[in-house]
Amino acid sequence: MRRLWNRVTITAVVIAAPVIAYGDSATMRQAFIDTPDACYQVEQQKDDRVYLKAVGVCGAKPGRAFIKSNSDKVKIYVEGELWKEMSPQPLAIPDIEVTLKKAEELFNSIKIPSNPSETNMVAAAKSVNAYYQLPDFQRRLLTETERIKKEVLGSALEQYYPDSEKDIPPKGKLGEDERIYVFVSSSMPLQTIRNYAASIARYGDPKIMMILRGFVGGVGKIQPTIVLVGRVVQRDSACNPLTSGECEILPVPFGVDPLLFRRYGIDRVPAVVYARGVKAEDAGLSEGDDKNAVIGEYWKAFGDASLEYIVDQILRESGSQGLLQLVGSSR
């Protein structure tokens, strides 16, 4: 998993407020006037009257504002009240240099306070990103994406974008209502779980998925689960992402679903369940919830046997055409 952390650069921008003047601006000279402080800018100018408005709070330190005027004297109004009358001062190069220098000094003096929640925010962002990368979440995301595309675009998608179907992963050999669940636990030997993951990858069917009862270490700790899943689906166990960059992973749907454990009565692992007649109202919710999904019939097997052997045994008992195609395609 790549981490993309970009250093934030804060840039100060000095914005010159628009000057609204009346008369022939081509013959007017540029000048500046005093303001109560640096947070006042010209709102409008009518002949020899200049109206200022506050755009912040800068304290009592005097400021300047630029105008265009040929008048010897102008009246300066602050928030509608006459503040003072003064002669506009001609604008010279040294004035611009002083203004830019003050802007630079102000920028260098700005100190962004540290965020006391930064550590927790980074940890939360990592957890969300890790959950997003889970194969089971990606599977659900793809399912929902395809559903929305069909409902919203319908036949227009294929008509106007015929190449879009090329990016859709193969559906596999199992029927739409068939599932194979491989129930595992973090207490099992890692190599055993990896063997099941390799078998699932060889079958290449998204309806075969690996299921954990809960998060490793408790529901409040997602990171240990991410680490376990990463070690299971990593094709080469010796690959180290810190030194090798990206490590190739096996395409194994992985889920955390205690409802599936309860629905199929899984009280020990490893266990394999083949179910058919599965129809879920919401693909994003658990198929172990009897309010969301119905099941026709299922077969289950316990014990540390290869997935290929278990599938062969269930095929003989169920006579499933989907399993027959699945077995045939993997040989």
Foldseek 3Di string as FASTA:
>chain_A
DDDDDDDDDDDDDDDADDEAEDDDQVPWAKFKDKDQDAQKEFPYDYAQETEIEGPDDDPRHMDMYMYTHPDQKHFYHYPNHTDDIHGTGGDDPVVVVVVVVVSVVVVVPDDDDDDPCVVVVVVVVVLVVLVCPALQNVVLVLVVVVVCCCVPCNCVCCVVPVCPVVPDFDQALADPFKAKEWEDEPPDPLVLLLLQLVVQLLLVHQRYAYEYQAAVPDPVDNVVVSVSQCCNFFPDNPDDCVPNPDTDGRSHRYYYHNLLCVQVVPPDDRKMKMFGPWDFPRSVDDSSDPVGIDTDDMDMDHDSDHPLVVLVVVCVVPVDPSSVVSNVVSD
